[in-house]
N, C-alpha and C. Protein backbone atom coordinates (compact mmCIF):
# COMPACT_ATOMS: atom_id res chain seq x y z
N MET A 1 77.73 12.42 2.63
CA MET A 1 78.91 11.75 3.17
C MET A 1 80.14 12.64 2.93
N GLU A 2 81.00 12.75 3.94
CA GLU A 2 82.20 13.57 3.83
C GLU A 2 83.27 12.87 3.00
N LYS A 3 84.08 13.73 2.35
CA LYS A 3 85.23 13.16 1.64
C LYS A 3 86.27 12.76 2.67
N THR A 4 86.85 11.59 2.51
CA THR A 4 87.86 11.13 3.47
C THR A 4 89.24 11.07 2.83
N HIS A 5 89.37 11.52 1.58
CA HIS A 5 90.65 11.41 0.91
C HIS A 5 91.37 12.75 0.80
N ASP A 6 90.94 13.75 1.57
CA ASP A 6 91.66 15.01 1.59
C ASP A 6 93.04 14.79 2.21
N PHE A 7 94.01 15.55 1.70
CA PHE A 7 95.36 15.41 2.23
C PHE A 7 95.43 16.01 3.63
N PHE A 8 94.84 17.18 3.80
CA PHE A 8 94.79 17.83 5.11
C PHE A 8 93.34 17.97 5.54
N VAL A 9 93.11 17.88 6.83
CA VAL A 9 91.77 18.10 7.37
C VAL A 9 91.67 19.58 7.74
N PRO A 10 90.71 20.32 7.17
CA PRO A 10 90.58 21.74 7.53
C PRO A 10 90.28 21.90 9.02
N LEU A 11 90.84 22.96 9.61
CA LEU A 11 90.65 23.19 11.04
C LEU A 11 89.18 23.33 11.40
N SER A 12 88.37 23.86 10.49
CA SER A 12 86.95 24.06 10.79
C SER A 12 86.21 22.73 10.95
N LYS A 13 86.77 21.64 10.45
CA LYS A 13 86.11 20.34 10.52
C LYS A 13 86.63 19.47 11.67
N PHE A 14 87.52 20.02 12.51
CA PHE A 14 88.05 19.22 13.60
C PHE A 14 86.99 18.98 14.65
N SER A 15 86.84 17.77 15.03
CA SER A 15 85.91 17.38 16.08
C SER A 15 86.47 16.09 16.70
N TYR A 16 85.77 15.58 17.67
CA TYR A 16 86.20 14.33 18.29
C TYR A 16 86.27 13.22 17.24
N LYS A 17 85.31 13.23 16.32
CA LYS A 17 85.26 12.20 15.28
C LYS A 17 86.49 12.28 14.37
N THR A 18 86.88 13.49 13.98
CA THR A 18 88.05 13.61 13.10
C THR A 18 89.33 13.28 13.85
N ILE A 19 89.40 13.62 15.12
CA ILE A 19 90.59 13.28 15.90
C ILE A 19 90.74 11.77 15.99
N MET A 20 89.64 11.05 16.12
CA MET A 20 89.68 9.60 16.19
C MET A 20 90.05 8.98 14.84
N GLN A 21 89.95 9.76 13.76
CA GLN A 21 90.29 9.25 12.43
C GLN A 21 91.71 9.62 12.01
N LEU A 22 92.44 10.35 12.85
CA LEU A 22 93.80 10.73 12.51
C LEU A 22 94.68 9.48 12.41
N HIS A 23 95.67 9.57 11.60
CA HIS A 23 96.59 8.45 11.41
C HIS A 23 97.91 8.79 12.09
N PHE A 24 98.29 7.96 13.02
CA PHE A 24 99.49 8.20 13.82
C PHE A 24 100.70 7.43 13.31
N THR A 25 100.55 6.70 12.23
CA THR A 25 101.64 5.84 11.75
C THR A 25 102.92 6.63 11.47
N GLY A 26 102.79 7.77 10.80
CA GLY A 26 103.97 8.57 10.47
C GLY A 26 104.71 9.04 11.70
N VAL A 27 103.97 9.49 12.69
CA VAL A 27 104.59 9.98 13.93
C VAL A 27 105.24 8.82 14.68
N ILE A 28 104.59 7.68 14.70
CA ILE A 28 105.16 6.51 15.38
C ILE A 28 106.43 6.04 14.67
N ILE A 29 106.43 6.06 13.34
CA ILE A 29 107.64 5.71 12.58
C ILE A 29 108.75 6.70 12.89
N ALA A 30 108.42 7.98 12.99
CA ALA A 30 109.43 9.00 13.32
C ALA A 30 110.03 8.75 14.69
N ILE A 31 109.19 8.42 15.67
CA ILE A 31 109.68 8.13 17.02
C ILE A 31 110.57 6.89 17.01
N CYS A 32 110.14 5.85 16.29
CA CYS A 32 110.95 4.63 16.19
C CYS A 32 112.28 4.90 15.50
N THR A 33 112.27 5.75 14.48
CA THR A 33 113.52 6.11 13.79
C THR A 33 114.46 6.80 14.76
N PHE A 34 113.94 7.73 15.54
CA PHE A 34 114.73 8.42 16.54
C PHE A 34 115.34 7.44 17.54
N LEU A 35 114.54 6.47 17.98
CA LEU A 35 115.03 5.47 18.93
C LEU A 35 116.09 4.55 18.31
N VAL A 36 115.90 4.16 17.04
CA VAL A 36 116.88 3.31 16.36
C VAL A 36 118.21 4.04 16.24
N ILE A 37 118.16 5.30 15.82
CA ILE A 37 119.40 6.08 15.71
C ILE A 37 120.04 6.24 17.08
N GLY A 38 119.21 6.48 18.09
CA GLY A 38 119.73 6.59 19.45
C GLY A 38 120.35 5.30 19.96
N PHE A 39 119.89 4.17 19.48
CA PHE A 39 120.47 2.88 19.85
C PHE A 39 121.80 2.66 19.15
N PHE A 40 121.88 3.01 17.87
CA PHE A 40 123.10 2.73 17.10
C PHE A 40 124.26 3.65 17.47
N HIS A 41 123.98 4.86 17.94
CA HIS A 41 125.08 5.77 18.30
C HIS A 41 125.98 5.17 19.38
N PRO A 42 125.45 4.75 20.54
CA PRO A 42 126.34 4.14 21.54
C PRO A 42 126.84 2.76 21.12
N LEU A 43 126.07 2.05 20.29
CA LEU A 43 126.52 0.74 19.83
C LEU A 43 127.82 0.87 19.03
N VAL A 44 127.87 1.85 18.14
CA VAL A 44 129.08 2.08 17.34
C VAL A 44 130.26 2.41 18.25
N ILE A 45 130.04 3.23 19.26
CA ILE A 45 131.11 3.59 20.19
C ILE A 45 131.62 2.35 20.91
N LYS A 46 130.70 1.51 21.39
CA LYS A 46 131.09 0.28 22.10
C LYS A 46 131.83 -0.71 21.19
N VAL A 47 131.30 -0.89 19.98
CA VAL A 47 131.94 -1.84 19.05
C VAL A 47 133.35 -1.37 18.72
N GLU A 48 133.52 -0.07 18.45
CA GLU A 48 134.86 0.43 18.11
C GLU A 48 135.79 0.30 19.30
N TYR A 49 135.31 0.55 20.50
CA TYR A 49 136.15 0.46 21.69
C TYR A 49 136.62 -0.98 21.91
N HIS A 50 135.72 -1.94 21.78
CA HIS A 50 136.07 -3.32 22.11
C HIS A 50 136.72 -4.08 20.96
N SER A 51 136.37 -3.78 19.71
CA SER A 51 136.91 -4.59 18.61
C SER A 51 137.43 -3.77 17.43
N GLY A 52 137.42 -2.47 17.52
CA GLY A 52 137.90 -1.65 16.42
C GLY A 52 136.95 -1.68 15.24
N THR A 53 137.51 -1.58 14.06
CA THR A 53 136.70 -1.53 12.84
C THR A 53 136.63 -2.87 12.12
N ARG A 54 137.17 -3.90 12.73
CA ARG A 54 137.27 -5.17 12.01
C ARG A 54 135.93 -5.83 11.72
N TYR A 55 134.86 -5.47 12.44
CA TYR A 55 133.56 -6.09 12.21
C TYR A 55 132.62 -5.21 11.38
N TRP A 56 133.17 -4.31 10.57
CA TRP A 56 132.33 -3.45 9.74
C TRP A 56 131.47 -4.29 8.79
N TRP A 57 131.98 -5.42 8.38
CA TRP A 57 131.26 -6.26 7.42
C TRP A 57 129.98 -6.85 8.03
N VAL A 58 129.94 -7.01 9.37
CA VAL A 58 128.71 -7.48 10.03
C VAL A 58 127.61 -6.43 9.85
N PHE A 59 127.98 -5.15 10.03
CA PHE A 59 127.02 -4.07 9.80
C PHE A 59 126.54 -4.08 8.35
N LEU A 60 127.45 -4.35 7.41
CA LEU A 60 127.10 -4.40 5.99
C LEU A 60 126.11 -5.52 5.71
N LEU A 61 126.42 -6.72 6.16
CA LEU A 61 125.54 -7.86 5.89
C LEU A 61 124.17 -7.69 6.55
N LEU A 62 124.16 -7.27 7.81
CA LEU A 62 122.88 -7.07 8.50
C LEU A 62 122.07 -5.93 7.87
N GLY A 63 122.77 -4.87 7.45
CA GLY A 63 122.10 -3.74 6.80
C GLY A 63 121.47 -4.13 5.48
N LEU A 64 122.23 -4.85 4.65
CA LEU A 64 121.69 -5.29 3.37
C LEU A 64 120.55 -6.28 3.56
N ALA A 65 120.71 -7.20 4.52
CA ALA A 65 119.65 -8.16 4.79
C ALA A 65 118.38 -7.46 5.26
N SER A 66 118.54 -6.44 6.10
CA SER A 66 117.38 -5.70 6.57
C SER A 66 116.69 -4.95 5.44
N LEU A 67 117.46 -4.30 4.59
CA LEU A 67 116.86 -3.56 3.48
C LEU A 67 116.15 -4.50 2.51
N ILE A 68 116.78 -5.63 2.22
CA ILE A 68 116.13 -6.60 1.34
C ILE A 68 114.89 -7.18 2.02
N GLY A 69 115.00 -7.46 3.31
CA GLY A 69 113.86 -8.00 4.04
C GLY A 69 112.68 -7.04 4.09
N ALA A 70 112.97 -5.74 4.11
CA ALA A 70 111.89 -4.74 4.14
C ALA A 70 110.99 -4.84 2.91
N PHE A 71 111.55 -5.30 1.79
CA PHE A 71 110.75 -5.46 0.56
C PHE A 71 109.70 -6.56 0.71
N PHE A 72 109.94 -7.50 1.59
CA PHE A 72 109.07 -8.67 1.69
C PHE A 72 108.08 -8.60 2.85
N VAL A 73 108.07 -7.50 3.57
CA VAL A 73 107.13 -7.32 4.68
C VAL A 73 105.95 -6.49 4.16
N ALA A 74 104.77 -7.06 4.21
CA ALA A 74 103.60 -6.41 3.63
C ALA A 74 103.11 -5.22 4.46
N ASP A 75 103.26 -5.28 5.76
CA ASP A 75 102.79 -4.19 6.62
C ASP A 75 103.71 -2.98 6.47
N VAL A 76 103.15 -1.83 6.14
CA VAL A 76 103.93 -0.63 5.89
C VAL A 76 104.74 -0.21 7.11
N PHE A 77 104.12 -0.28 8.28
CA PHE A 77 104.82 0.13 9.49
C PHE A 77 106.08 -0.70 9.71
N TRP A 78 105.95 -2.02 9.71
CA TRP A 78 107.10 -2.88 9.99
C TRP A 78 108.11 -2.83 8.86
N SER A 79 107.66 -2.70 7.64
CA SER A 79 108.58 -2.55 6.51
C SER A 79 109.42 -1.28 6.67
N ALA A 80 108.78 -0.20 7.09
CA ALA A 80 109.51 1.06 7.30
C ALA A 80 110.52 0.93 8.43
N ILE A 81 110.12 0.30 9.52
CA ILE A 81 111.03 0.14 10.66
C ILE A 81 112.23 -0.73 10.27
N ILE A 82 111.99 -1.81 9.58
CA ILE A 82 113.09 -2.69 9.13
C ILE A 82 114.00 -1.93 8.16
N GLY A 83 113.41 -1.12 7.29
CA GLY A 83 114.21 -0.29 6.38
C GLY A 83 115.05 0.72 7.12
N VAL A 84 114.49 1.34 8.15
CA VAL A 84 115.25 2.30 8.96
C VAL A 84 116.40 1.61 9.68
N VAL A 85 116.15 0.43 10.21
CA VAL A 85 117.22 -0.33 10.87
C VAL A 85 118.31 -0.67 9.85
N GLY A 86 117.92 -1.10 8.65
CA GLY A 86 118.91 -1.42 7.61
C GLY A 86 119.74 -0.22 7.22
N ALA A 87 119.09 0.92 7.01
CA ALA A 87 119.83 2.13 6.66
C ALA A 87 120.74 2.57 7.79
N SER A 88 120.28 2.42 9.02
CA SER A 88 121.11 2.79 10.17
C SER A 88 122.32 1.87 10.30
N LEU A 89 122.13 0.60 10.01
CA LEU A 89 123.27 -0.33 10.03
C LEU A 89 124.31 0.05 8.97
N LEU A 90 123.84 0.40 7.78
CA LEU A 90 124.78 0.80 6.73
C LEU A 90 125.47 2.12 7.09
N TRP A 91 124.72 3.06 7.65
CA TRP A 91 125.31 4.34 8.07
C TRP A 91 126.36 4.11 9.17
N SER A 92 126.14 3.11 9.99
CA SER A 92 127.05 2.82 11.10
C SER A 92 128.43 2.38 10.63
N ILE A 93 128.53 1.88 9.41
CA ILE A 93 129.85 1.50 8.88
C ILE A 93 130.74 2.73 8.81
N GLY A 94 130.22 3.79 8.23
CA GLY A 94 130.98 5.04 8.16
C GLY A 94 131.26 5.61 9.53
N GLU A 95 130.27 5.50 10.42
CA GLU A 95 130.45 6.02 11.77
C GLU A 95 131.49 5.22 12.56
N LEU A 96 131.63 3.94 12.25
CA LEU A 96 132.63 3.10 12.92
C LEU A 96 134.04 3.61 12.60
N PHE A 97 134.28 3.91 11.32
CA PHE A 97 135.59 4.43 10.92
C PHE A 97 135.78 5.87 11.41
N ALA A 98 134.71 6.65 11.42
CA ALA A 98 134.79 8.02 11.97
C ALA A 98 135.07 7.97 13.47
N GLN A 99 134.50 7.00 14.15
CA GLN A 99 134.75 6.85 15.59
C GLN A 99 136.22 6.54 15.84
N LYS A 100 136.82 5.73 14.99
CA LYS A 100 138.25 5.44 15.14
C LYS A 100 139.05 6.73 15.02
N ARG A 101 138.69 7.59 14.06
CA ARG A 101 139.40 8.87 13.90
C ARG A 101 139.17 9.77 15.12
N ARG A 102 137.96 9.74 15.68
CA ARG A 102 137.69 10.54 16.87
C ARG A 102 138.53 10.06 18.06
N VAL A 103 138.72 8.75 18.16
CA VAL A 103 139.56 8.20 19.23
C VAL A 103 141.00 8.64 19.01
N GLU A 104 141.46 8.60 17.76
CA GLU A 104 142.83 9.01 17.46
C GLU A 104 143.07 10.49 17.78
N LYS A 105 142.03 11.30 17.66
CA LYS A 105 142.14 12.73 17.99
C LYS A 105 142.06 12.97 19.49
N GLY A 106 141.70 11.93 20.24
CA GLY A 106 141.59 12.06 21.69
C GLY A 106 140.22 12.51 22.17
N TRP A 107 139.24 12.52 21.29
CA TRP A 107 137.89 12.95 21.67
C TRP A 107 137.14 11.87 22.45
N PHE A 108 137.54 10.61 22.27
CA PHE A 108 136.92 9.48 22.96
C PHE A 108 138.02 8.62 23.55
N PRO A 109 137.73 7.86 24.61
CA PRO A 109 138.78 7.04 25.23
C PRO A 109 139.23 5.90 24.32
N MET A 110 140.53 5.63 24.40
CA MET A 110 141.13 4.54 23.62
C MET A 110 141.16 3.28 24.48
N ASN A 111 140.91 2.16 23.85
CA ASN A 111 141.01 0.88 24.55
C ASN A 111 142.50 0.58 24.71
N PRO A 112 143.02 0.53 25.93
CA PRO A 112 144.46 0.31 26.13
C PRO A 112 144.94 -1.04 25.59
N LYS A 113 144.04 -2.00 25.45
CA LYS A 113 144.43 -3.31 24.92
C LYS A 113 144.69 -3.26 23.41
N ARG A 114 144.23 -2.19 22.75
CA ARG A 114 144.38 -2.09 21.29
C ARG A 114 145.14 -0.84 20.87
N LYS A 115 146.09 -0.38 21.69
CA LYS A 115 146.85 0.85 21.41
C LYS A 115 147.54 0.82 20.05
N ASP A 116 148.04 -0.34 19.68
CA ASP A 116 148.82 -0.46 18.44
C ASP A 116 147.96 -0.30 17.18
N GLU A 117 146.63 -0.30 17.29
CA GLU A 117 145.77 -0.16 16.13
C GLU A 117 145.50 1.30 15.75
N TYR A 118 145.94 2.22 16.57
CA TYR A 118 145.66 3.64 16.33
C TYR A 118 146.90 4.37 15.82
N ASN A 119 146.66 5.40 15.02
CA ASN A 119 147.76 6.25 14.52
C ASN A 119 147.88 7.47 15.41
N ARG A 120 148.61 7.35 16.48
CA ARG A 120 148.79 8.46 17.41
C ARG A 120 150.20 8.86 17.46
């Protein structure tokens, strides 16, 4: 019987059987992480444009709730995804304030309804 607990599968042992035994969870988590980050980037821009930085605390509460919730999910895949969402929500707080600075520098459009909130 072959050992199945090797960290890497030697190239000489690759066959259809070993390919069917590969674990894709890490790659799928990486793709999901990429998609979550890709979702939050425009979300931060939209939130800052429409409401400024006043809702940063929503990102904080949702981020903390997600991170805490990840502890209680038994499935590794979903726990990781919830953790990535929580970390992205917390990271978005800083990005929300950075987005405000980018708008003040003129790198992004300013919401004309909220002109008085910017230091220009």
